[in-house]
Amino acid sequence: VPVNENNEILQSPIQPGTPHGELIRNASLIIWDEAPMANRVFLTCVDDMCHLLMNHDTTFGGKVIILLGDFHQMCPVIHGSSRSQIV
């Protein structure tokens, strides 16, 4: 999903009625590989885009999203620790 990273608020340029918008609207599901490596802002952006394209107020506009990736590669979060303790 293309995004314009120059905006303070991350937004997708895909709009309803455009070829890309219709492609996503007609898709049975969306598969997202390497999801654990994506910033949560991108998930929010895709959620907002799906709400707009599907004209539906449920998560991801009611579209089925499969998030793939190796969740074991994620670094553990250690609250209140220093950089040297984490590394």
PDB file of N, CA and C in Angstrom:
ATOM      1  N   VAL A   1       0.859  -1.172   0.000  1.00  0.00           N
ATOM      2  CA  VAL A   1       0.000   0.000   0.000  1.00  0.00           C
ATOM      3  C   VAL A   1       0.896   1.223   0.000  1.00  0.00           C
ATOM      4  N   PRO A   2       0.811   2.037  -1.032  1.00  0.00           N
ATOM      5  CA  PRO A   2       1.658   3.231  -1.059  1.00  0.00           C
ATOM      6  C   PRO A   2       1.183   4.261  -0.043  1.00  0.00           C
ATOM      7  N   VAL A   3       2.126   4.903   0.598  1.00  0.00           N
ATOM      8  CA  VAL A   3       1.802   5.965   1.546  1.00  0.00           C
ATOM      9  C   VAL A   3       2.691   7.161   1.265  1.00  0.00           C
ATOM     10  N   ASN A   4       2.219   8.318   1.646  1.00  0.00           N
ATOM     11  CA  ASN A   4       2.993   9.540   1.517  1.00  0.00           C
ATOM     12  C   ASN A   4       3.598   9.838   2.879  1.00  0.00           C
ATOM     13  N   GLU A   5       4.886   9.556   3.043  1.00  0.00           N
ATOM     14  CA  GLU A   5       5.540   9.718   4.339  1.00  0.00           C
ATOM     15  C   GLU A   5       5.901  11.168   4.641  1.00  0.00           C
ATOM     16  N   ASN A   6       5.650  12.081   3.711  1.00  0.00           N
ATOM     17  CA  ASN A   6       5.951  13.488   3.954  1.00  0.00           C
ATOM     18  C   ASN A   6       4.889  14.148   4.821  1.00  0.00           C
ATOM     19  N   ASN A   7       3.728  13.523   4.948  1.00  0.00           N
ATOM     20  CA  ASN A   7       2.669  14.069   5.789  1.00  0.00           C
ATOM     21  C   ASN A   7       2.957  13.755   7.248  1.00  0.00           C
ATOM     22  N   GLU A   8       2.505  14.647   8.149  1.00  0.00           N
ATOM     23  CA  GLU A   8       2.624  14.350   9.570  1.00  0.00           C
ATOM     24  C   GLU A   8       1.731  13.173   9.926  1.00  0.00           C
ATOM     25  N   ILE A   9       0.566  13.132   9.291  1.00  0.00           N
ATOM     26  CA  ILE A   9      -0.359  12.023   9.485  1.00  0.00           C
ATOM     27  C   ILE A   9      -0.207  11.113   8.277  1.00  0.00           C
ATOM     28  N   LEU A  10       0.179   9.879   8.514  1.00  0.00           N
ATOM     29  CA  LEU A  10       0.409   8.933   7.427  1.00  0.00           C
ATOM     30  C   LEU A  10      -0.925   8.565   6.785  1.00  0.00           C
ATOM     31  N   GLN A  11      -1.059   8.812   5.481  1.00  0.00           N
ATOM     32  CA  GLN A  11      -2.293   8.518   4.764  1.00  0.00           C
ATOM     33  C   GLN A  11      -1.968   7.866   3.433  1.00  0.00           C
ATOM     34  N   SER A  12      -2.820   6.951   3.025  1.00  0.00           N
ATOM     35  CA  SER A  12      -2.660   6.306   1.727  1.00  0.00           C
ATOM     36  C   SER A  12      -3.348   7.144   0.662  1.00  0.00           C
ATOM     37  N   PRO A  13      -2.744   7.265  -0.514  1.00  0.00           N
ATOM     38  CA  PRO A  13      -3.383   8.020  -1.596  1.00  0.00           C
ATOM     39  C   PRO A  13      -4.474   7.222  -2.317  1.00  0.00           C
ATOM     40  N   ILE A  14      -4.677   5.955  -1.940  1.00  0.00           N
ATOM     41  CA  ILE A  14      -5.692   5.122  -2.597  1.00  0.00           C
ATOM     42  C   ILE A  14      -7.075   5.584  -2.159  1.00  0.00           C
ATOM     43  N   GLN A  15      -7.910   5.907  -3.127  1.00  0.00           N
ATOM     44  CA  GLN A  15      -9.251   6.431  -2.866  1.00  0.00           C
ATOM     45  C   GLN A  15     -10.307   5.520  -3.488  1.00  0.00           C
ATOM     46  N   PRO A  16     -11.540   5.569  -2.975  1.00  0.00           N
ATOM     47  CA  PRO A  16     -12.626   4.796  -3.595  1.00  0.00           C
ATOM     48  C   PRO A  16     -12.824   5.213  -5.050  1.00  0.00           C
ATOM     49  N   GLY A  17     -13.150   4.252  -5.887  1.00  0.00           N
ATOM     50  CA  GLY A  17     -13.415   4.536  -7.294  1.00  0.00           C
ATOM     51  C   GLY A  17     -12.192   4.507  -8.188  1.00  0.00           C
ATOM     52  N   THR A  18     -10.990   4.449  -7.602  1.00  0.00           N
ATOM     53  CA  THR A  18      -9.764   4.365  -8.397  1.00  0.00           C
ATOM     54  C   THR A  18      -9.471   2.888  -8.681  1.00  0.00           C
ATOM     55  N   PRO A  19      -8.645   2.588  -9.691  1.00  0.00           N
ATOM     56  CA  PRO A  19      -8.330   1.177  -9.975  1.00  0.00           C
ATOM     57  C   PRO A  19      -7.741   0.428  -8.773  1.00  0.00           C
ATOM     58  N   HIS A  20      -6.816   1.061  -8.048  1.00  0.00           N
ATOM     59  CA  HIS A  20      -6.237   0.401  -6.873  1.00  0.00           C
ATOM     60  C   HIS A  20      -7.283   0.229  -5.774  1.00  0.00           C
ATOM     61  N   GLY A  21      -8.131   1.232  -5.616  1.00  0.00           N
ATOM     62  CA  GLY A  21      -9.196   1.150  -4.622  1.00  0.00           C
ATOM     63  C   GLY A  21     -10.157   0.014  -4.913  1.00  0.00           C
ATOM     64  N   GLU A  22     -10.519  -0.143  -6.176  1.00  0.00           N
ATOM     65  CA  GLU A  22     -11.427  -1.224  -6.569  1.00  0.00           C
ATOM     66  C   GLU A  22     -10.758  -2.589  -6.422  1.00  0.00           C
ATOM     67  N   LEU A  23      -9.455  -2.660  -6.694  1.00  0.00           N
ATOM     68  CA  LEU A  23      -8.716  -3.911  -6.528  1.00  0.00           C
ATOM     69  C   LEU A  23      -8.770  -4.368  -5.070  1.00  0.00           C
ATOM     70  N   ILE A  24      -8.507  -3.450  -4.150  1.00  0.00           N
ATOM     71  CA  ILE A  24      -8.541  -3.787  -2.724  1.00  0.00           C
ATOM     72  C   ILE A  24      -9.971  -4.086  -2.284  1.00  0.00           C
ATOM     73  N   ARG A  25     -10.919  -3.299  -2.755  1.00  0.00           N
ATOM     74  CA  ARG A  25     -12.329  -3.505  -2.392  1.00  0.00           C
ATOM     75  C   ARG A  25     -12.818  -4.891  -2.828  1.00  0.00           C
ATOM     76  N   ASN A  26     -12.393  -5.358  -3.989  1.00  0.00           N
ATOM     77  CA  ASN A  26     -12.854  -6.641  -4.517  1.00  0.00           C
ATOM     78  C   ASN A  26     -12.032  -7.832  -4.026  1.00  0.00           C
ATOM     79  N   ALA A  27     -10.936  -7.576  -3.315  1.00  0.00           N
ATOM     80  CA  ALA A  27     -10.087  -8.665  -2.823  1.00  0.00           C
ATOM     81  C   ALA A  27     -10.812  -9.464  -1.741  1.00  0.00           C
ATOM     82  N   SER A  28     -10.625 -10.777  -1.760  1.00  0.00           N
ATOM     83  CA  SER A  28     -11.227 -11.640  -0.735  1.00  0.00           C
ATOM     84  C   SER A  28     -10.504 -11.482   0.598  1.00  0.00           C
ATOM     85  N   LEU A  29      -9.197 -11.301   0.530  1.00  0.00           N
ATOM     86  CA  LEU A  29      -8.400 -11.106   1.733  1.00  0.00           C
ATOM     87  C   LEU A  29      -7.121 -10.374   1.370  1.00  0.00           C
ATOM     88  N   ILE A  30      -6.466  -9.847   2.388  1.00  0.00           N
ATOM     89  CA  ILE A  30      -5.185  -9.155   2.213  1.00  0.00           C
ATOM     90  C   ILE A  30      -4.155  -9.907   3.049  1.00  0.00           C
ATOM     91  N   ILE A  31      -3.036 -10.269   2.430  1.00  0.00           N
ATOM     92  CA  ILE A  31      -1.952 -10.959   3.132  1.00  0.00           C
ATOM     93  C   ILE A  31      -0.807  -9.971   3.312  1.00  0.00           C
ATOM     94  N   TRP A  32      -0.371  -9.784   4.547  1.00  0.00           N
ATOM     95  CA  TRP A  32       0.687  -8.830   4.873  1.00  0.00           C
ATOM     96  C   TRP A  32       1.851  -9.624   5.459  1.00  0.00           C
ATOM     97  N   ASP A  33       2.950  -9.733   4.705  1.00  0.00           N
ATOM     98  CA  ASP A  33       4.129 -10.454   5.175  1.00  0.00           C
ATOM     99  C   ASP A  33       5.019  -9.504   5.961  1.00  0.00           C
ATOM    100  N   GLU A  34       5.774 -10.043   6.886  1.00  0.00           N
ATOM    101  CA  GLU A  34       6.684  -9.287   7.755  1.00  0.00           C
ATOM    102  C   GLU A  34       5.935  -8.246   8.590  1.00  0.00           C
ATOM    103  N   ALA A  35       4.737  -8.575   9.005  1.00  0.00           N
ATOM    104  CA  ALA A  35       3.927  -7.666   9.816  1.00  0.00           C
ATOM    105  C   ALA A  35       4.592  -7.266  11.138  1.00  0.00           C
ATOM    106  N   PRO A  36       5.303  -8.176  11.825  1.00  0.00           N
ATOM    107  CA  PRO A  36       5.915  -7.764  13.092  1.00  0.00           C
ATOM    108  C   PRO A  36       6.965  -6.660  12.924  1.00  0.00           C
ATOM    109  N   MET A  37       7.510  -6.520  11.724  1.00  0.00           N
ATOM    110  CA  MET A  37       8.548  -5.518  11.498  1.00  0.00           C
ATOM    111  C   MET A  37       7.963  -4.151  11.145  1.00  0.00           C
ATOM    112  N   ALA A  38       6.666  -4.086  10.890  1.00  0.00           N
ATOM    113  CA  ALA A  38       6.031  -2.829  10.485  1.00  0.00           C
ATOM    114  C   ALA A  38       5.690  -1.989  11.708  1.00  0.00           C
ATOM    115  N   ASN A  39       5.846  -0.697  11.560  1.00  0.00           N
ATOM    116  CA  ASN A  39       5.444   0.234  12.600  1.00  0.00           C
ATOM    117  C   ASN A  39       3.927   0.199  12.723  1.00  0.00           C
ATOM    118  N   ARG A  40       3.419   0.359  13.924  1.00  0.00           N
ATOM    119  CA  ARG A  40       1.965   0.301  14.127  1.00  0.00           C
ATOM    120  C   ARG A  40       1.233   1.398  13.371  1.00  0.00           C
ATOM    121  N   VAL A  41       1.936   2.473  13.017  1.00  0.00           N
ATOM    122  CA  VAL A  41       1.320   3.556  12.251  1.00  0.00           C
ATOM    123  C   VAL A  41       0.864   3.043  10.885  1.00  0.00           C
ATOM    124  N   PHE A  42       1.617   2.101  10.307  1.00  0.00           N
ATOM    125  CA  PHE A  42       1.232   1.538   9.015  1.00  0.00           C
ATOM    126  C   PHE A  42      -0.041   0.703   9.133  1.00  0.00           C
ATOM    127  N   LEU A  43      -0.175  -0.045  10.232  1.00  0.00           N
ATOM    128  CA  LEU A  43      -1.412  -0.799  10.451  1.00  0.00           C
ATOM    129  C   LEU A  43      -2.606   0.144  10.567  1.00  0.00           C
ATOM    130  N   THR A  44      -2.425   1.236  11.278  1.00  0.00           N
ATOM    131  CA  THR A  44      -3.493   2.229  11.412  1.00  0.00           C
ATOM    132  C   THR A  44      -3.837   2.829  10.063  1.00  0.00           C
ATOM    133  N   CYS A  45      -2.828   3.102   9.252  1.00  0.00           N
ATOM    134  CA  CYS A  45      -3.040   3.662   7.917  1.00  0.00           C
ATOM    135  C   CYS A  45      -3.850   2.701   7.050  1.00  0.00           C
ATOM    136  N   VAL A  46      -3.501   1.417   7.071  1.00  0.00           N
ATOM    137  CA  VAL A  46      -4.232   0.420   6.283  1.00  0.00           C
ATOM    138  C   VAL A  46      -5.655   0.265   6.821  1.00  0.00           C
ATOM    139  N   ASP A  47      -5.814   0.310   8.136  1.00  0.00           N
ATOM    140  CA  ASP A  47      -7.148   0.231   8.734  1.00  0.00           C
ATOM    141  C   ASP A  47      -8.014   1.396   8.259  1.00  0.00           C
ATOM    142  N   ASP A  48      -7.465   2.606   8.301  1.00  0.00           N
ATOM    143  CA  ASP A  48      -8.203   3.790   7.836  1.00  0.00           C
ATOM    144  C   ASP A  48      -8.552   3.677   6.357  1.00  0.00           C
ATOM    145  N   MET A  49      -7.596   3.201   5.557  1.00  0.00           N
ATOM    146  CA  MET A  49      -7.835   3.056   4.121  1.00  0.00           C
ATOM    147  C   MET A  49      -8.959   2.049   3.858  1.00  0.00           C
ATOM    148  N   CYS A  50      -8.940   0.926   4.580  1.00  0.00           N
ATOM    149  CA  CYS A  50      -9.981  -0.091   4.394  1.00  0.00           C
ATOM    150  C   CYS A  50     -11.347   0.422   4.836  1.00  0.00           C
ATOM    151  N   HIS A  51     -11.393   1.193   5.937  1.00  0.00           N
ATOM    152  CA  HIS A  51     -12.666   1.813   6.350  1.00  0.00           C
ATOM    153  C   HIS A  51     -13.219   2.657   5.214  1.00  0.00           C
ATOM    154  N   LEU A  52     -12.368   3.464   4.604  1.00  0.00           N
ATOM    155  CA  LEU A  52     -12.781   4.364   3.529  1.00  0.00           C
ATOM    156  C   LEU A  52     -13.225   3.584   2.291  1.00  0.00           C
ATOM    157  N   LEU A  53     -12.444   2.592   1.891  1.00  0.00           N
ATOM    158  CA  LEU A  53     -12.755   1.839   0.674  1.00  0.00           C
ATOM    159  C   LEU A  53     -13.995   0.964   0.826  1.00  0.00           C
ATOM    160  N   MET A  54     -14.144   0.346   1.985  1.00  0.00           N
ATOM    161  CA  MET A  54     -15.254  -0.583   2.195  1.00  0.00           C
ATOM    162  C   MET A  54     -16.512   0.127   2.690  1.00  0.00           C
ATOM    163  N   ASN A  55     -16.357   1.385   3.132  1.00  0.00           N
ATOM    164  CA  ASN A  55     -17.479   2.155   3.680  1.00  0.00           C
ATOM    165  C   ASN A  55     -18.164   1.360   4.798  1.00  0.00           C
ATOM    166  N   HIS A  56     -17.311   0.824   5.679  1.00  0.00           N
ATOM    167  CA  HIS A  56     -17.791  -0.029   6.762  1.00  0.00           C
ATOM    168  C   HIS A  56     -16.997   0.320   8.010  1.00  0.00           C
ATOM    169  N   ASP A  57     -17.658   0.440   9.168  1.00  0.00           N
ATOM    170  CA  ASP A  57     -17.002   0.921  10.379  1.00  0.00           C
ATOM    171  C   ASP A  57     -16.553  -0.209  11.311  1.00  0.00           C
ATOM    172  N   THR A  58     -16.049  -1.306  10.738  1.00  0.00           N
ATOM    173  CA  THR A  58     -15.471  -2.366  11.558  1.00  0.00           C
ATOM    174  C   THR A  58     -13.963  -2.387  11.309  1.00  0.00           C
ATOM    175  N   THR A  59     -13.248  -3.171  12.086  1.00  0.00           N
ATOM    176  CA  THR A  59     -11.798  -3.251  11.923  1.00  0.00           C
ATOM    177  C   THR A  59     -11.450  -3.627  10.488  1.00  0.00           C
ATOM    178  N   PHE A  60     -10.549  -2.869   9.899  1.00  0.00           N
ATOM    179  CA  PHE A  60     -10.121  -3.041   8.508  1.00  0.00           C
ATOM    180  C   PHE A  60     -11.308  -3.048   7.544  1.00  0.00           C
ATOM    181  N   GLY A  61     -12.351  -2.343   7.898  1.00  0.00           N
ATOM    182  CA  GLY A  61     -13.516  -2.234   7.023  1.00  0.00           C
ATOM    183  C   GLY A  61     -14.200  -3.562   6.779  1.00  0.00           C
ATOM    184  N   GLY A  62     -13.958  -4.539   7.655  1.00  0.00           N
ATOM    185  CA  GLY A  62     -14.550  -5.860   7.491  1.00  0.00           C
ATOM    186  C   GLY A  62     -13.748  -6.769   6.576  1.00  0.00           C
ATOM    187  N   LYS A  63     -12.642  -6.272   6.062  1.00  0.00           N
ATOM    188  CA  LYS A  63     -11.778  -7.047   5.164  1.00  0.00           C
ATOM    189  C   LYS A  63     -10.959  -8.038   5.996  1.00  0.00           C
ATOM    190  N   VAL A  64     -10.773  -9.257   5.480  1.00  0.00           N
ATOM    191  CA  VAL A  64      -9.960 -10.263   6.166  1.00  0.00           C
ATOM    192  C   VAL A  64      -8.492  -9.949   5.897  1.00  0.00           C
ATOM    193  N   ILE A  65      -7.726  -9.782   6.979  1.00  0.00           N
ATOM    194  CA  ILE A  65      -6.299  -9.470   6.880  1.00  0.00           C
ATOM    195  C   ILE A  65      -5.525 -10.603   7.558  1.00  0.00           C
ATOM    196  N   ILE A  66      -4.556 -11.182   6.848  1.00  0.00           N
ATOM    197  CA  ILE A  66      -3.689 -12.209   7.427  1.00  0.00           C
ATOM    198  C   ILE A  66      -2.314 -11.582   7.612  1.00  0.00           C
ATOM    199  N   LEU A  67      -1.877 -11.503   8.869  1.00  0.00           N
ATOM    200  CA  LEU A  67      -0.577 -10.922   9.192  1.00  0.00           C
ATOM    201  C   LEU A  67       0.429 -12.056   9.366  1.00  0.00           C
ATOM    202  N   LEU A  68       1.478 -12.031   8.554  1.00  0.00           N
ATOM    203  CA  LEU A  68       2.503 -13.072   8.589  1.00  0.00           C
ATOM    204  C   LEU A  68       3.826 -12.499   9.068  1.00  0.00           C
ATOM    205  N   GLY A  69       4.688 -13.366   9.532  1.00  0.00           N
ATOM    206  CA  GLY A  69       6.024 -12.962   9.935  1.00  0.00           C
ATOM    207  C   GLY A  69       6.517 -13.867  11.044  1.00  0.00           C
ATOM    208  N   ASP A  70       7.773 -13.754  11.342  1.00  0.00           N
ATOM    209  CA  ASP A  70       8.370 -14.550  12.403  1.00  0.00           C
ATOM    210  C   ASP A  70       8.325 -13.737  13.691  1.00  0.00           C
ATOM    211  N   PHE A  71       7.318 -13.996  14.504  1.00  0.00           N
ATOM    212  CA  PHE A  71       7.135 -13.233  15.731  1.00  0.00           C
ATOM    213  C   PHE A  71       8.223 -13.547  16.760  1.00  0.00           C
ATOM    214  N   HIS A  72       9.002 -14.606  16.545  1.00  0.00           N
ATOM    215  CA  HIS A  72      10.112 -14.918  17.446  1.00  0.00           C
ATOM    216  C   HIS A  72      11.307 -13.992  17.220  1.00  0.00           C
ATOM    217  N   GLN A  73      11.332 -13.291  16.095  1.00  0.00           N
ATOM    218  CA  GLN A  73      12.436 -12.375  15.810  1.00  0.00           C
ATOM    219  C   GLN A  73      12.247 -11.021  16.490  1.00  0.00           C
ATOM    220  N   MET A  74      11.130 -10.834  17.145  1.00  0.00           N
ATOM    221  CA  MET A  74      10.863  -9.559  17.807  1.00  0.00           C
ATOM    222  C   MET A  74      11.728  -9.435  19.056  1.00  0.00           C
ATOM    223  N   CYS A  75      12.220  -8.247  19.306  1.00  0.00           N
ATOM    224  CA  CYS A  75      12.995  -8.001  20.516  1.00  0.00           C
ATOM    225  C   CYS A  75      12.046  -7.891  21.707  1.00  0.00           C
ATOM    226  N   PRO A  76      12.426  -8.437  22.847  1.00  0.00           N
ATOM    227  CA  PRO A  76      11.567  -8.301  24.022  1.00  0.00           C
ATOM    228  C   PRO A  76      11.572  -6.860  24.522  1.00  0.00           C
ATOM    229  N   VAL A  77      10.474  -6.445  25.085  1.00  0.00           N
ATOM    230  CA  VAL A  77      10.366  -5.102  25.656  1.00  0.00           C
ATOM    231  C   VAL A  77      10.640  -5.220  27.145  1.00  0.00           C
ATOM    232  N   ILE A  78      11.645  -4.494  27.608  1.00  0.00           N
ATOM    233  CA  ILE A  78      12.006  -4.504  29.019  1.00  0.00           C
ATOM    234  C   ILE A  78      11.801  -3.084  29.535  1.00  0.00           C
ATOM    235  N   HIS A  79      10.682  -2.858  30.211  1.00  0.00           N
ATOM    236  CA  HIS A  79      10.356  -1.521  30.699  1.00  0.00           C
ATOM    237  C   HIS A  79      11.343  -1.071  31.773  1.00  0.00           C
ATOM    238  N   GLY A  80      11.764   0.181  31.679  1.00  0.00           N
ATOM    239  CA  GLY A  80      12.626   0.775  32.685  1.00  0.00           C
ATOM    240  C   GLY A  80      14.074   0.329  32.633  1.00  0.00           C
ATOM    241  N   SER A  81      14.502  -0.321  31.559  1.00  0.00           N
ATOM    242  CA  SER A  81      15.891  -0.771  31.479  1.00  0.00           C
ATOM    243  C   SER A  81      16.714   0.184  30.625  1.00  0.00           C
ATOM    244  N   SER A  82      18.022   0.115  30.805  1.00  0.00           N
ATOM    245  CA  SER A  82      18.920   0.969  30.028  1.00  0.00           C
ATOM    246  C   SER A  82      19.218   0.304  28.692  1.00  0.00           C
ATOM    247  N   ARG A  83      19.818   1.049  27.785  1.00  0.00           N
ATOM    248  CA  ARG A  83      20.157   0.518  26.469  1.00  0.00           C
ATOM    249  C   ARG A  83      21.100  -0.683  26.577  1.00  0.00           C
ATOM    250  N   SER A  84      22.080  -0.603  27.481  1.00  0.00           N
ATOM    251  CA  SER A  84      23.039  -1.706  27.619  1.00  0.00           C
ATOM    252  C   SER A  84      22.367  -2.973  28.149  1.00  0.00           C
ATOM    253  N   GLN A  85      21.342  -2.840  28.977  1.00  0.00           N
ATOM    254  CA  GLN A  85      20.624  -4.012  29.476  1.00  0.00           C
ATOM    255  C   GLN A  85      19.809  -4.673  28.366  1.00  0.00           C
ATOM    256  N   ILE A  86      19.295  -3.861  27.451  1.00  0.00           N
ATOM    257  CA  ILE A  86      18.477  -4.392  26.364  1.00  0.00           C
ATOM    258  C   ILE A  86      19.353  -5.081  25.334  1.00  0.00           C
ATOM    259  N   VAL A  87      20.476  -4.429  24.966  1.00  0.00           N
ATOM    260  CA  VAL A  87      21.371  -4.972  23.946  1.00  0.00           C
ATOM    261  C   VAL A  87      22.167  -6.105  24.547  1.00  0.00           C
TER     262      VAL A  87
END
